[in-house]
Amino acid sequence: AARTREVVMPALVEKCFGSARAGTKAQAIELSLQYVEVENS
């Protein structure tokens, strides 16, 4: 899934981190952490 990171993560920064919904923000943060965790280089 790491190869999709450069397309998805900018969208999280732009559209999700600043969400007024706590659940949306929490899921965006968790998704970012998952991308960091699965990276193998």
Full PDB file with SEQRES, HELIX, SHEET, SSBOND, CRYST1, ORIGX, SCALE, CONECT and MASTER records, all heavy atoms in Angstrom:
SEQRES   1 A   41  ALA ALA ARG THR ARG GLU VAL VAL MET PRO ALA LEU VAL          
SEQRES   2 A   41  GLU LYS CYS PHE GLY SER ALA ARG ALA GLY THR LYS ALA          
SEQRES   3 A   41  GLN ALA ILE GLU LEU SER LEU GLN TYR VAL GLU VAL GLU          
SEQRES   4 A   41  ASN SER                                                      
HELIX    1 AA1 ALA A    2  THR A    4  5                                   3    
HELIX    2 AA2 ARG A    5  LYS A   15  1                                  11    
HELIX    3 AA3 ALA A   22  VAL A   38  1                                  17    
CRYST1    1.000    1.000    1.000  90.00  90.00  90.00 P 1           1          
ORIGX1      1.000000  0.000000  0.000000        0.00000                         
ORIGX2      0.000000  1.000000  0.000000        0.00000                         
ORIGX3      0.000000  0.000000  1.000000        0.00000                         
SCALE1      1.000000  0.000000  0.000000        0.00000                         
SCALE2      0.000000  1.000000  0.000000        0.00000                         
SCALE3      0.000000  0.000000  1.000000        0.00000                         
ATOM      1  N   ALA A   1       0.810  -1.214   0.000  1.00  0.00           N  
ATOM      2  CA  ALA A   1       0.000   0.000   0.000  1.00  0.00           C  
ATOM      3  C   ALA A   1       0.843   1.263   0.000  1.00  0.00           C  
ATOM      4  O   ALA A   1       0.335   2.353  -0.268  1.00  0.00           O  
ATOM      5  CB  ALA A   1      -0.924   0.013   1.219  1.00  0.00           C  
ATOM      6  N   ALA A   2       2.148   1.126   0.294  1.00  0.00           N  
ATOM      7  CA  ALA A   2       3.009   2.304   0.431  1.00  0.00           C  
ATOM      8  C   ALA A   2       3.067   3.130  -0.848  1.00  0.00           C  
ATOM      9  O   ALA A   2       3.223   4.346  -0.802  1.00  0.00           O  
ATOM     10  CB  ALA A   2       4.414   1.877   0.850  1.00  0.00           C  
ATOM     11  N   ARG A   3       2.929   2.478  -1.992  1.00  0.00           N  
ATOM     12  CA  ARG A   3       3.036   3.204  -3.260  1.00  0.00           C  
ATOM     13  C   ARG A   3       1.864   4.174  -3.469  1.00  0.00           C  
ATOM     14  O   ARG A   3       1.928   5.034  -4.362  1.00  0.00           O  
ATOM     15  CB  ARG A   3       3.134   2.227  -4.424  1.00  0.00           C  
ATOM     16  CG  ARG A   3       1.853   1.469  -4.738  1.00  0.00           C  
ATOM     17  CD  ARG A   3       2.034   0.424  -5.811  1.00  0.00           C  
ATOM     18  NE  ARG A   3       2.802  -0.725  -5.357  1.00  0.00           N  
ATOM     19  CZ  ARG A   3       2.990  -1.819  -6.082  1.00  0.00           C  
ATOM     20  NH1 ARG A   3       2.510  -1.895  -7.305  1.00  0.00           N  
ATOM     21  NH2 ARG A   3       3.668  -2.833  -5.586  1.00  0.00           N  
ATOM     22  N   THR A   4       0.796   4.037  -2.706  1.00  0.00           N  
ATOM     23  CA  THR A   4      -0.345   4.957  -2.830  1.00  0.00           C  
ATOM     24  C   THR A   4      -0.208   6.165  -1.917  1.00  0.00           C  
ATOM     25  O   THR A   4      -1.007   7.101  -1.989  1.00  0.00           O  
ATOM     26  CB  THR A   4      -1.665   4.237  -2.481  1.00  0.00           C  
ATOM     27  OG1 THR A   4      -1.677   3.893  -1.081  1.00  0.00           O  
ATOM     28  CG2 THR A   4      -1.823   2.962  -3.294  1.00  0.00           C  
ATOM     29  N   ARG A   5       0.813   6.144  -1.090  1.00  0.00           N  
ATOM     30  CA  ARG A   5       1.000   7.168  -0.055  1.00  0.00           C  
ATOM     31  C   ARG A   5       1.069   8.587  -0.613  1.00  0.00           C  
ATOM     32  O   ARG A   5       0.437   9.512  -0.101  1.00  0.00           O  
ATOM     33  CB  ARG A   5       2.294   6.836   0.687  1.00  0.00           C  
ATOM     34  CG  ARG A   5       2.795   7.850   1.678  1.00  0.00           C  
ATOM     35  CD  ARG A   5       4.270   7.597   1.949  1.00  0.00           C  
ATOM     36  NE  ARG A   5       5.028   7.673   0.707  1.00  0.00           N  
ATOM     37  CZ  ARG A   5       6.037   6.879   0.399  1.00  0.00           C  
ATOM     38  NH1 ARG A   5       6.428   5.939   1.228  1.00  0.00           N  
ATOM     39  NH2 ARG A   5       6.684   7.036  -0.746  1.00  0.00           N  
ATOM     40  N   GLU A   6       1.848   8.780  -1.683  1.00  0.00           N  
ATOM     41  CA  GLU A   6       2.079  10.130  -2.185  1.00  0.00           C  
ATOM     42  C   GLU A   6       0.837  10.748  -2.813  1.00  0.00           C  
ATOM     43  O   GLU A   6       0.780  11.967  -2.989  1.00  0.00           O  
ATOM     44  CB  GLU A   6       3.235  10.119  -3.180  1.00  0.00           C  
ATOM     45  CG  GLU A   6       4.574   9.784  -2.524  1.00  0.00           C  
ATOM     46  CD  GLU A   6       5.735   9.841  -3.500  1.00  0.00           C  
ATOM     47  OE1 GLU A   6       5.876  10.860  -4.188  1.00  0.00           O  
ATOM     48  OE2 GLU A   6       6.487   8.863  -3.574  1.00  0.00           O  
ATOM     49  N   VAL A   7      -0.148   9.937  -3.141  1.00  0.00           N  
ATOM     50  CA  VAL A   7      -1.418  10.456  -3.657  1.00  0.00           C  
ATOM     51  C   VAL A   7      -2.394  10.725  -2.520  1.00  0.00           C  
ATOM     52  O   VAL A   7      -3.089  11.749  -2.506  1.00  0.00           O  
ATOM     53  CB  VAL A   7      -2.045   9.464  -4.666  1.00  0.00           C  
ATOM     54  CG1 VAL A   7      -3.438   9.929  -5.096  1.00  0.00           C  
ATOM     55  CG2 VAL A   7      -1.144   9.316  -5.878  1.00  0.00           C  
ATOM     56  N   VAL A   8      -2.418   9.841  -1.539  1.00  0.00           N  
ATOM     57  CA  VAL A   8      -3.430   9.923  -0.479  1.00  0.00           C  
ATOM     58  C   VAL A   8      -3.056  10.913   0.618  1.00  0.00           C  
ATOM     59  O   VAL A   8      -3.896  11.705   1.066  1.00  0.00           O  
ATOM     60  CB  VAL A   8      -3.669   8.527   0.139  1.00  0.00           C  
ATOM     61  CG1 VAL A   8      -4.652   8.623   1.304  1.00  0.00           C  
ATOM     62  CG2 VAL A   8      -4.200   7.565  -0.922  1.00  0.00           C  
ATOM     63  N   MET A   9      -1.799  10.919   1.049  1.00  0.00           N  
ATOM     64  CA  MET A   9      -1.448  11.717   2.217  1.00  0.00           C  
ATOM     65  C   MET A   9      -1.605  13.229   2.029  1.00  0.00           C  
ATOM     66  O   MET A   9      -2.037  13.919   2.952  1.00  0.00           O  
ATOM     67  CB  MET A   9      -0.047  11.356   2.700  1.00  0.00           C  
ATOM     68  CG  MET A   9      -0.020   9.976   3.364  1.00  0.00           C  
ATOM     69  SD  MET A   9       1.590   9.458   4.004  1.00  0.00           S  
ATOM     70  CE  MET A   9       1.781  10.553   5.387  1.00  0.00           C  
ATOM     71  N   PRO A  10      -1.296  13.797   0.865  1.00  0.00           N  
ATOM     72  CA  PRO A  10      -1.584  15.224   0.694  1.00  0.00           C  
ATOM     73  C   PRO A  10      -3.071  15.546   0.845  1.00  0.00           C  
ATOM     74  O   PRO A  10      -3.434  16.619   1.326  1.00  0.00           O  
ATOM     75  CB  PRO A  10      -1.093  15.509  -0.736  1.00  0.00           C  
ATOM     76  CG  PRO A  10      -0.049  14.488  -0.985  1.00  0.00           C  
ATOM     77  CD  PRO A  10      -0.540  13.250  -0.289  1.00  0.00           C  
ATOM     78  N   ALA A  11      -3.926  14.610   0.437  1.00  0.00           N  
ATOM     79  CA  ALA A  11      -5.369  14.814   0.604  1.00  0.00           C  
ATOM     80  C   ALA A  11      -5.756  14.826   2.071  1.00  0.00           C  
ATOM     81  O   ALA A  11      -6.656  15.569   2.481  1.00  0.00           O  
ATOM     82  CB  ALA A  11      -6.140  13.720  -0.136  1.00  0.00           C  
ATOM     83  N   LEU A  12      -5.070  14.031   2.881  1.00  0.00           N  
ATOM     84  CA  LEU A  12      -5.336  14.030   4.315  1.00  0.00           C  
ATOM     85  C   LEU A  12      -4.972  15.381   4.915  1.00  0.00           C  
ATOM     86  O   LEU A  12      -5.710  15.936   5.742  1.00  0.00           O  
ATOM     87  CB  LEU A  12      -4.541  12.925   5.011  1.00  0.00           C  
ATOM     88  CG  LEU A  12      -4.761  11.488   4.552  1.00  0.00           C  
ATOM     89  CD1 LEU A  12      -3.945  10.533   5.416  1.00  0.00           C  
ATOM     90  CD2 LEU A  12      -6.238  11.123   4.614  1.00  0.00           C  
ATOM     91  N   VAL A  13      -3.821  15.907   4.514  1.00  0.00           N  
ATOM     92  CA  VAL A  13      -3.375  17.197   5.024  1.00  0.00           C  
ATOM     93  C   VAL A  13      -4.369  18.290   4.641  1.00  0.00           C  
ATOM     94  O   VAL A  13      -4.729  19.140   5.450  1.00  0.00           O  
ATOM     95  CB  VAL A  13      -1.977  17.534   4.473  1.00  0.00           C  
ATOM     96  CG1 VAL A  13      -1.579  18.962   4.825  1.00  0.00           C  
ATOM     97  CG2 VAL A  13      -0.944  16.553   5.030  1.00  0.00           C  
ATOM     98  N   GLU A  14      -4.826  18.248   3.399  1.00  0.00           N  
ATOM     99  CA  GLU A  14      -5.674  19.325   2.878  1.00  0.00           C  
ATOM    100  C   GLU A  14      -7.125  19.221   3.344  1.00  0.00           C  
ATOM    101  O   GLU A  14      -7.755  20.247   3.648  1.00  0.00           O  
ATOM    102  CB  GLU A  14      -5.630  19.316   1.352  1.00  0.00           C  
ATOM    103  CG  GLU A  14      -6.436  20.440   0.712  1.00  0.00           C  
ATOM    104  CD  GLU A  14      -6.353  20.420  -0.807  1.00  0.00           C  
ATOM    105  OE1 GLU A  14      -5.594  19.596  -1.357  1.00  0.00           O  
ATOM    106  OE2 GLU A  14      -7.051  21.237  -1.443  1.00  0.00           O  
ATOM    107  N   LYS A  15      -7.647  18.001   3.409  1.00  0.00           N  
ATOM    108  CA  LYS A  15      -9.094  17.852   3.594  1.00  0.00           C  
ATOM    109  C   LYS A  15      -9.520  17.173   4.891  1.00  0.00           C  
ATOM    110  O   LYS A  15     -10.709  17.196   5.220  1.00  0.00           O  
ATOM    111  CB  LYS A  15      -9.676  17.037   2.428  1.00  0.00           C  
ATOM    112  CG  LYS A  15      -9.517  17.686   1.068  1.00  0.00           C  
ATOM    113  CD  LYS A  15     -10.364  18.945   0.944  1.00  0.00           C  
ATOM    114  CE  LYS A  15     -10.310  19.498  -0.472  1.00  0.00           C  
ATOM    115  NZ  LYS A  15     -11.125  20.742  -0.610  1.00  0.00           N  
ATOM    116  N   CYS A  16      -8.583  16.575   5.624  1.00  0.00           N  
ATOM    117  CA  CYS A  16      -9.001  15.740   6.755  1.00  0.00           C  
ATOM    118  C   CYS A  16      -8.483  16.204   8.108  1.00  0.00           C  
ATOM    119  O   CYS A  16      -9.224  16.176   9.089  1.00  0.00           O  
ATOM    120  CB  CYS A  16      -8.568  14.290   6.528  1.00  0.00           C  
ATOM    121  SG  CYS A  16      -9.198  13.579   4.986  1.00  0.00           S  
ATOM    122  N   PHE A  17      -7.221  16.622   8.189  1.00  0.00           N  
ATOM    123  CA  PHE A  17      -6.668  17.006   9.485  1.00  0.00           C  
ATOM    124  C   PHE A  17      -7.427  18.157  10.120  1.00  0.00           C  
ATOM    125  O   PHE A  17      -7.515  18.262  11.335  1.00  0.00           O  
ATOM    126  CB  PHE A  17      -5.196  17.383   9.343  1.00  0.00           C  
ATOM    127  CG  PHE A  17      -4.275  16.211   9.178  1.00  0.00           C  
ATOM    128  CD1 PHE A  17      -2.967  16.396   8.772  1.00  0.00           C  
ATOM    129  CD2 PHE A  17      -4.709  14.919   9.414  1.00  0.00           C  
ATOM    130  CE1 PHE A  17      -2.103  15.321   8.619  1.00  0.00           C  
ATOM    131  CE2 PHE A  17      -3.861  13.832   9.261  1.00  0.00           C  
ATOM    132  CZ  PHE A  17      -2.558  14.034   8.866  1.00  0.00           C  
ATOM    133  N   GLY A  18      -7.964  19.039   9.298  1.00  0.00           N  
ATOM    134  CA  GLY A  18      -8.682  20.196   9.815  1.00  0.00           C  
ATOM    135  C   GLY A  18     -10.178  20.001   9.932  1.00  0.00           C  
ATOM    136  O   GLY A  18     -10.920  20.960  10.170  1.00  0.00           O  
ATOM    137  N   SER A  19     -10.643  18.772   9.793  1.00  0.00           N  
ATOM    138  CA  SER A  19     -12.079  18.500   9.839  1.00  0.00           C  
ATOM    139  C   SER A  19     -12.682  18.862  11.198  1.00  0.00           C  
ATOM    140  O   SER A  19     -12.043  18.714  12.245  1.00  0.00           O  
ATOM    141  CB  SER A  19     -12.339  17.019   9.557  1.00  0.00           C  
ATOM    142  OG  SER A  19     -13.705  16.694   9.734  1.00  0.00           O  
ATOM    143  N   ALA A  20     -13.919  19.327  11.159  1.00  0.00           N  
ATOM    144  CA  ALA A  20     -14.631  19.633  12.395  1.00  0.00           C  
ATOM    145  C   ALA A  20     -15.114  18.364  13.085  1.00  0.00           C  
ATOM    146  O   ALA A  20     -15.471  18.394  14.266  1.00  0.00           O  
ATOM    147  CB  ALA A  20     -15.825  20.544  12.096  1.00  0.00           C  
ATOM    148  N   ARG A  21     -15.113  17.251  12.375  1.00  0.00           N  
ATOM    149  CA  ARG A  21     -15.542  15.975  12.946  1.00  0.00           C  
ATOM    150  C   ARG A  21     -14.356  15.279  13.610  1.00  0.00           C  
ATOM    151  O   ARG A  21     -13.347  14.983  12.960  1.00  0.00           O  
ATOM    152  CB  ARG A  21     -16.136  15.068  11.860  1.00  0.00           C  
ATOM    153  CG  ARG A  21     -17.456  15.563  11.294  1.00  0.00           C  
ATOM    154  CD  ARG A  21     -17.939  14.623  10.193  1.00  0.00           C  
ATOM    155  NE  ARG A  21     -18.275  13.302  10.705  1.00  0.00           N  
ATOM    156  CZ  ARG A  21     -19.490  12.948  11.137  1.00  0.00           C  
ATOM    157  NH1 ARG A  21     -20.477  13.832  11.119  1.00  0.00           N  
ATOM    158  NH2 ARG A  21     -19.715  11.711  11.572  1.00  0.00           N  
ATOM    159  N   ALA A  22     -14.491  15.031  14.897  1.00  0.00           N  
ATOM    160  CA  ALA A  22     -13.405  14.399  15.641  1.00  0.00           C  
ATOM    161  C   ALA A  22     -13.072  13.021  15.071  1.00  0.00           C  
ATOM    162  O   ALA A  22     -11.906  12.633  14.990  1.00  0.00           O  
ATOM    163  CB  ALA A  22     -13.780  14.287  17.120  1.00  0.00           C  
ATOM    164  N   GLY A  23     -14.093  12.280  14.655  1.00  0.00           N  
ATOM    165  CA  GLY A  23     -13.869  10.948  14.109  1.00  0.00           C  
ATOM    166  C   GLY A  23     -13.087  10.981  12.812  1.00  0.00           C  
ATOM    167  O   GLY A  23     -12.223  10.139  12.575  1.00  0.00           O  
ATOM    168  N   THR A  24     -13.383  11.963  11.964  1.00  0.00           N  
ATOM    169  CA  THR A  24     -12.663  12.104  10.701  1.00  0.00           C  
ATOM    170  C   THR A  24     -11.198  12.425  10.954  1.00  0.00           C  
ATOM    171  O   THR A  24     -10.299  11.832  10.353  1.00  0.00           O  
ATOM    172  CB  THR A  24     -13.306  13.219   9.851  1.00  0.00           C  
ATOM    173  OG1 THR A  24     -14.646  12.837   9.525  1.00  0.00           O  
ATOM    174  CG2 THR A  24     -12.524  13.450   8.562  1.00  0.00           C  
ATOM    175  N   LYS A  25     -10.950  13.359  11.847  1.00  0.00           N  
ATOM    176  CA  LYS A  25      -9.572  13.731  12.163  1.00  0.00           C  
ATOM    177  C   LYS A  25      -8.812  12.543  12.750  1.00  0.00           C  
ATOM    178  O   LYS A  25      -7.657  12.287  12.387  1.00  0.00           O  
ATOM    179  CB  LYS A  25      -9.567  14.904  13.138  1.00  0.00           C  
ATOM    180  CG  LYS A  25      -8.196  15.495  13.398  1.00  0.00           C  
ATOM    181  CD  LYS A  25      -8.275  16.667  14.368  1.00  0.00           C  
ATOM    182  CE  LYS A  25      -9.057  17.809  13.797  1.00  0.00           C  
ATOM    183  NZ  LYS A  25      -9.043  18.991  14.696  1.00  0.00           N  
ATOM    184  N   ALA A  26      -9.465  11.815  13.642  1.00  0.00           N  
ATOM    185  CA  ALA A  26      -8.809  10.662  14.271  1.00  0.00           C  
ATOM    186  C   ALA A  26      -8.468   9.587  13.245  1.00  0.00           C  
ATOM    187  O   ALA A  26      -7.388   8.996  13.277  1.00  0.00           O  
ATOM    188  CB  ALA A  26      -9.703  10.086  15.371  1.00  0.00           C  
ATOM    189  N   GLN A  27      -9.387   9.330  12.316  1.00  0.00           N  
ATOM    190  CA  GLN A  27      -9.129   8.326  11.291  1.00  0.00           C  
ATOM    191  C   GLN A  27      -8.009   8.779  10.346  1.00  0.00           C  
ATOM    192  O   GLN A  27      -7.188   7.965   9.902  1.00  0.00           O  
ATOM    193  CB  GLN A  27     -10.400   8.046  10.486  1.00  0.00           C  
ATOM    194  CG  GLN A  27     -11.495   7.328  11.237  1.00  0.00           C  
ATOM    195  CD  GLN A  27     -11.162   5.865  11.529  1.00  0.00           C  
ATOM    196  OE1 GLN A  27     -10.190   5.313  11.020  1.00  0.00           O  
ATOM    197  NE2 GLN A  27     -11.971   5.229  12.360  1.00  0.00           N  
ATOM    198  N   ALA A  28      -7.960  10.077  10.034  1.00  0.00           N  
ATOM    199  CA  ALA A  28      -6.900  10.598   9.170  1.00  0.00           C  
ATOM    200  C   ALA A  28      -5.536  10.439   9.831  1.00  0.00           C  
ATOM    201  O   ALA A  28      -4.546  10.074   9.177  1.00  0.00           O  
ATOM    202  CB  ALA A  28      -7.169  12.064   8.843  1.00  0.00           C  
ATOM    203  N   ILE A  29      -5.474  10.717  11.113  1.00  0.00           N  
ATOM    204  CA  ILE A  29      -4.220  10.557  11.849  1.00  0.00           C  
ATOM    205  C   ILE A  29      -3.813   9.096  11.885  1.00  0.00           C  
ATOM    206  O   ILE A  29      -2.644   8.750  11.654  1.00  0.00           O  
ATOM    207  CB  ILE A  29      -4.372  11.129  13.276  1.00  0.00           C  
ATOM    208  CG1 ILE A  29      -4.492  12.657  13.206  1.00  0.00           C  
ATOM    209  CG2 ILE A  29      -3.198  10.722  14.169  1.00  0.00           C  
ATOM    210  CD1 ILE A  29      -4.927  13.300  14.505  1.00  0.00           C  
ATOM    211  N   GLU A  30      -4.771   8.218  12.142  1.00  0.00           N  
ATOM    212  CA  GLU A  30      -4.471   6.792  12.179  1.00  0.00           C  
ATOM    213  C   GLU A  30      -4.000   6.292  10.816  1.00  0.00           C  
ATOM    214  O   GLU A  30      -3.070   5.476  10.724  1.00  0.00           O  
ATOM    215  CB  GLU A  30      -5.709   6.007  12.618  1.00  0.00           C  
ATOM    216  CG  GLU A  30      -5.489   4.516  12.771  1.00  0.00           C  
ATOM    217  CD  GLU A  30      -4.420   4.169  13.801  1.00  0.00           C  
ATOM    218  OE1 GLU A  30      -4.285   4.931  14.788  1.00  0.00           O  
ATOM    219  OE2 GLU A  30      -3.724   3.158  13.610  1.00  0.00           O  
ATOM    220  N   LEU A  31      -4.612   6.794   9.753  1.00  0.00           N  
ATOM    221  CA  LEU A  31      -4.204   6.399   8.410  1.00  0.00           C  
ATOM    222  C   LEU A  31      -2.766   6.838   8.125  1.00  0.00           C  
ATOM    223  O   LEU A  31      -1.971   6.079   7.556  1.00  0.00           O  
ATOM    224  CB  LEU A  31      -5.160   7.002   7.375  1.00  0.00           C  
ATOM    225  CG  LEU A  31      -4.858   6.724   5.905  1.00  0.00           C  
ATOM    226  CD1 LEU A  31      -4.760   5.232   5.629  1.00  0.00           C  
ATOM    227  CD2 LEU A  31      -5.924   7.360   5.018  1.00  0.00           C  
ATOM    228  N   SER A  32      -2.414   8.050   8.536  1.00  0.00           N  
ATOM    229  CA  SER A  32      -1.046   8.530   8.348  1.00  0.00           C  
ATOM    230  C   SER A  32      -0.058   7.653   9.097  1.00  0.00           C  
ATOM    231  O   SER A  32       1.011   7.314   8.583  1.00  0.00           O  
ATOM    232  CB  SER A  32      -0.932   9.978   8.831  1.00  0.00           C  
ATOM    233  OG  SER A  32      -1.808  10.816   8.119  1.00  0.00           O  
ATOM    234  N   LEU A  33      -0.403   7.281  10.316  1.00  0.00           N  
ATOM    235  CA  LEU A  33       0.458   6.402  11.109  1.00  0.00           C  
ATOM    236  C   LEU A  33       0.613   5.041  10.442  1.00  0.00           C  
ATOM    237  O   LEU A  33       1.700   4.453  10.448  1.00  0.00           O  
ATOM    238  CB  LEU A  33      -0.121   6.238  12.518  1.00  0.00           C  
ATOM    239  CG  LEU A  33      -0.043   7.466  13.419  1.00  0.00           C  
ATOM    240  CD1 LEU A  33      -0.893   7.264  14.664  1.00  0.00           C  
ATOM    241  CD2 LEU A  33       1.397   7.758  13.812  1.00  0.00           C  
ATOM    242  N   GLN A  34      -0.463   4.543   9.853  1.00  0.00           N  
ATOM    243  CA  GLN A  34      -0.396   3.262   9.161  1.00  0.00           C  
ATOM    244  C   GLN A  34       0.555   3.338   7.969  1.00  0.00           C  
ATOM    245  O   GLN A  34       1.337   2.412   7.720  1.00  0.00           O  
ATOM    246  CB  GLN A  34      -1.791   2.833   8.695  1.00  0.00           C  
ATOM    247  CG  GLN A  34      -2.717   2.352   9.792  1.00  0.00           C  
ATOM    248  CD  GLN A  34      -2.279   1.031  10.398  1.00  0.00           C  
ATOM    249  OE1 GLN A  34      -1.618   0.220   9.758  1.00  0.00           O  
ATOM    250  NE2 GLN A  34      -2.652   0.810  11.643  1.00  0.00           N  
ATOM    251  N   TYR A  35       0.506   4.446   7.230  1.00  0.00           N  
ATOM    252  CA  TYR A  35       1.407   4.606   6.097  1.00  0.00           C  
ATOM    253  C   TYR A  35       2.865   4.616   6.540  1.00  0.00           C  
ATOM    254  O   TYR A  35       3.732   4.041   5.882  1.00  0.00           O  
ATOM    255  CB  TYR A  35       1.094   5.898   5.342  1.00  0.00           C  
ATOM    256  CG  TYR A  35       0.100   5.733   4.213  1.00  0.00           C  
ATOM    257  CD1 TYR A  35      -1.117   6.400   4.222  1.00  0.00           C  
ATOM    258  CD2 TYR A  35       0.386   4.912   3.125  1.00  0.00           C  
ATOM    259  CE1 TYR A  35      -2.034   6.258   3.192  1.00  0.00           C  
ATOM    260  CE2 TYR A  35      -0.519   4.759   2.082  1.00  0.00           C  
ATOM    261  CZ  TYR A  35      -1.727   5.432   2.124  1.00  0.00           C  
ATOM    262  OH  TYR A  35      -2.631   5.279   1.095  1.00  0.00           O  
ATOM    263  N   VAL A  36       3.152   5.279   7.661  1.00  0.00           N  
ATOM    264  CA  VAL A  36       4.517   5.291   8.178  1.00  0.00           C  
ATOM    265  C   VAL A  36       4.924   3.892   8.629  1.00  0.00           C  
ATOM    266  O   VAL A  36       6.038   3.430   8.387  1.00  0.00           O  
ATOM    267  CB  VAL A  36       4.651   6.297   9.337  1.00  0.00           C  
ATOM    268  CG1 VAL A  36       6.028   6.187   9.994  1.00  0.00           C  
ATOM    269  CG2 VAL A  36       4.422   7.723   8.847  1.00  0.00           C  
ATOM    270  N   GLU A  37       3.993   3.195   9.266  1.00  0.00           N  
ATOM    271  CA  GLU A  37       4.308   1.881   9.836  1.00  0.00           C  
ATOM    272  C   GLU A  37       4.617   0.835   8.772  1.00  0.00           C  
ATOM    273  O   GLU A  37       5.492  -0.016   8.963  1.00  0.00           O  
ATOM    274  CB  GLU A  37       3.155   1.408  10.715  1.00  0.00           C  
ATOM    275  CG  GLU A  37       3.424   0.089  11.419  1.00  0.00           C  
ATOM    276  CD  GLU A  37       2.375  -0.238  12.464  1.00  0.00           C  
ATOM    277  OE1 GLU A  37       1.595   0.664  12.825  1.00  0.00           O  
ATOM    278  OE2 GLU A  37       2.343  -1.385  12.912  1.00  0.00           O  
ATOM    279  N   VAL A  38       3.897   0.871   7.647  1.00  0.00           N  
ATOM    280  CA  VAL A  38       4.082  -0.183   6.647  1.00  0.00           C  
ATOM    281  C   VAL A  38       5.269   0.083   5.731  1.00  0.00           C  
ATOM    282  O   VAL A  38       5.676  -0.807   4.992  1.00  0.00           O  
ATOM    283  CB  VAL A  38       2.824  -0.381   5.769  1.00  0.00           C  
ATOM    284  CG1 VAL A  38       1.621  -0.738   6.628  1.00  0.00           C  
ATOM    285  CG2 VAL A  38       2.523   0.854   4.918  1.00  0.00           C  
ATOM    286  N   GLU A  39       5.826   1.298   5.787  1.00  0.00           N  
ATOM    287  CA  GLU A  39       6.958   1.617   4.916  1.00  0.00           C  
ATOM    288  C   GLU A  39       8.180   0.805   5.330  1.00  0.00           C  
ATOM    289  O   GLU A  39       8.454   0.632   6.509  1.00  0.00           O  
ATOM    290  CB  GLU A  39       7.272   3.120   4.992  1.00  0.00           C  
ATOM    291  CG  GLU A  39       8.351   3.565   4.034  1.00  0.00           C  
ATOM    292  CD  GLU A  39       8.009   3.223   2.597  1.00  0.00           C  
ATOM    293  OE1 GLU A  39       7.036   3.763   2.061  1.00  0.00           O  
ATOM    294  OE2 GLU A  39       8.733   2.382   2.027  1.00  0.00           O  
ATOM    295  N   ASN A  40       8.920   0.319   4.346  1.00  0.00           N  
ATOM    296  CA  ASN A  40      10.033  -0.578   4.632  1.00  0.00           C  
ATOM    297  C   ASN A  40      11.364  -0.059   4.096  1.00  0.00           C  
ATOM    298  O   ASN A  40      12.268  -0.817   3.808  1.00  0.00           O  
ATOM    299  CB  ASN A  40       9.768  -1.968   4.040  1.00  0.00           C  
ATOM    300  CG  ASN A  40      10.670  -3.032   4.648  1.00  0.00           C  
ATOM    301  OD1 ASN A  40      11.050  -2.940   5.808  1.00  0.00           O  
ATOM    302  ND2 ASN A  40      11.017  -4.026   3.854  1.00  0.00           N  
ATOM    303  N   SER A  41      11.466   1.273   3.952  1.00  0.00           N  
ATOM    304  CA  SER A  41      12.747   1.849   3.548  1.00  0.00           C  
ATOM    305  C   SER A  41      12.898   3.201   4.203  1.00  0.00           C  
ATOM    306  O   SER A  41      11.929   3.909   4.449  1.00  0.00           O  
ATOM    307  CB  SER A  41      12.839   2.009   2.029  1.00  0.00           C  
ATOM    308  OG  SER A  41      11.979   3.034   1.586  1.00  0.00           O  
TER     309      SER A  41                                                      
MASTER        0    0    0    3    0    0    0    6  308    1    0    4          
END                                                                             
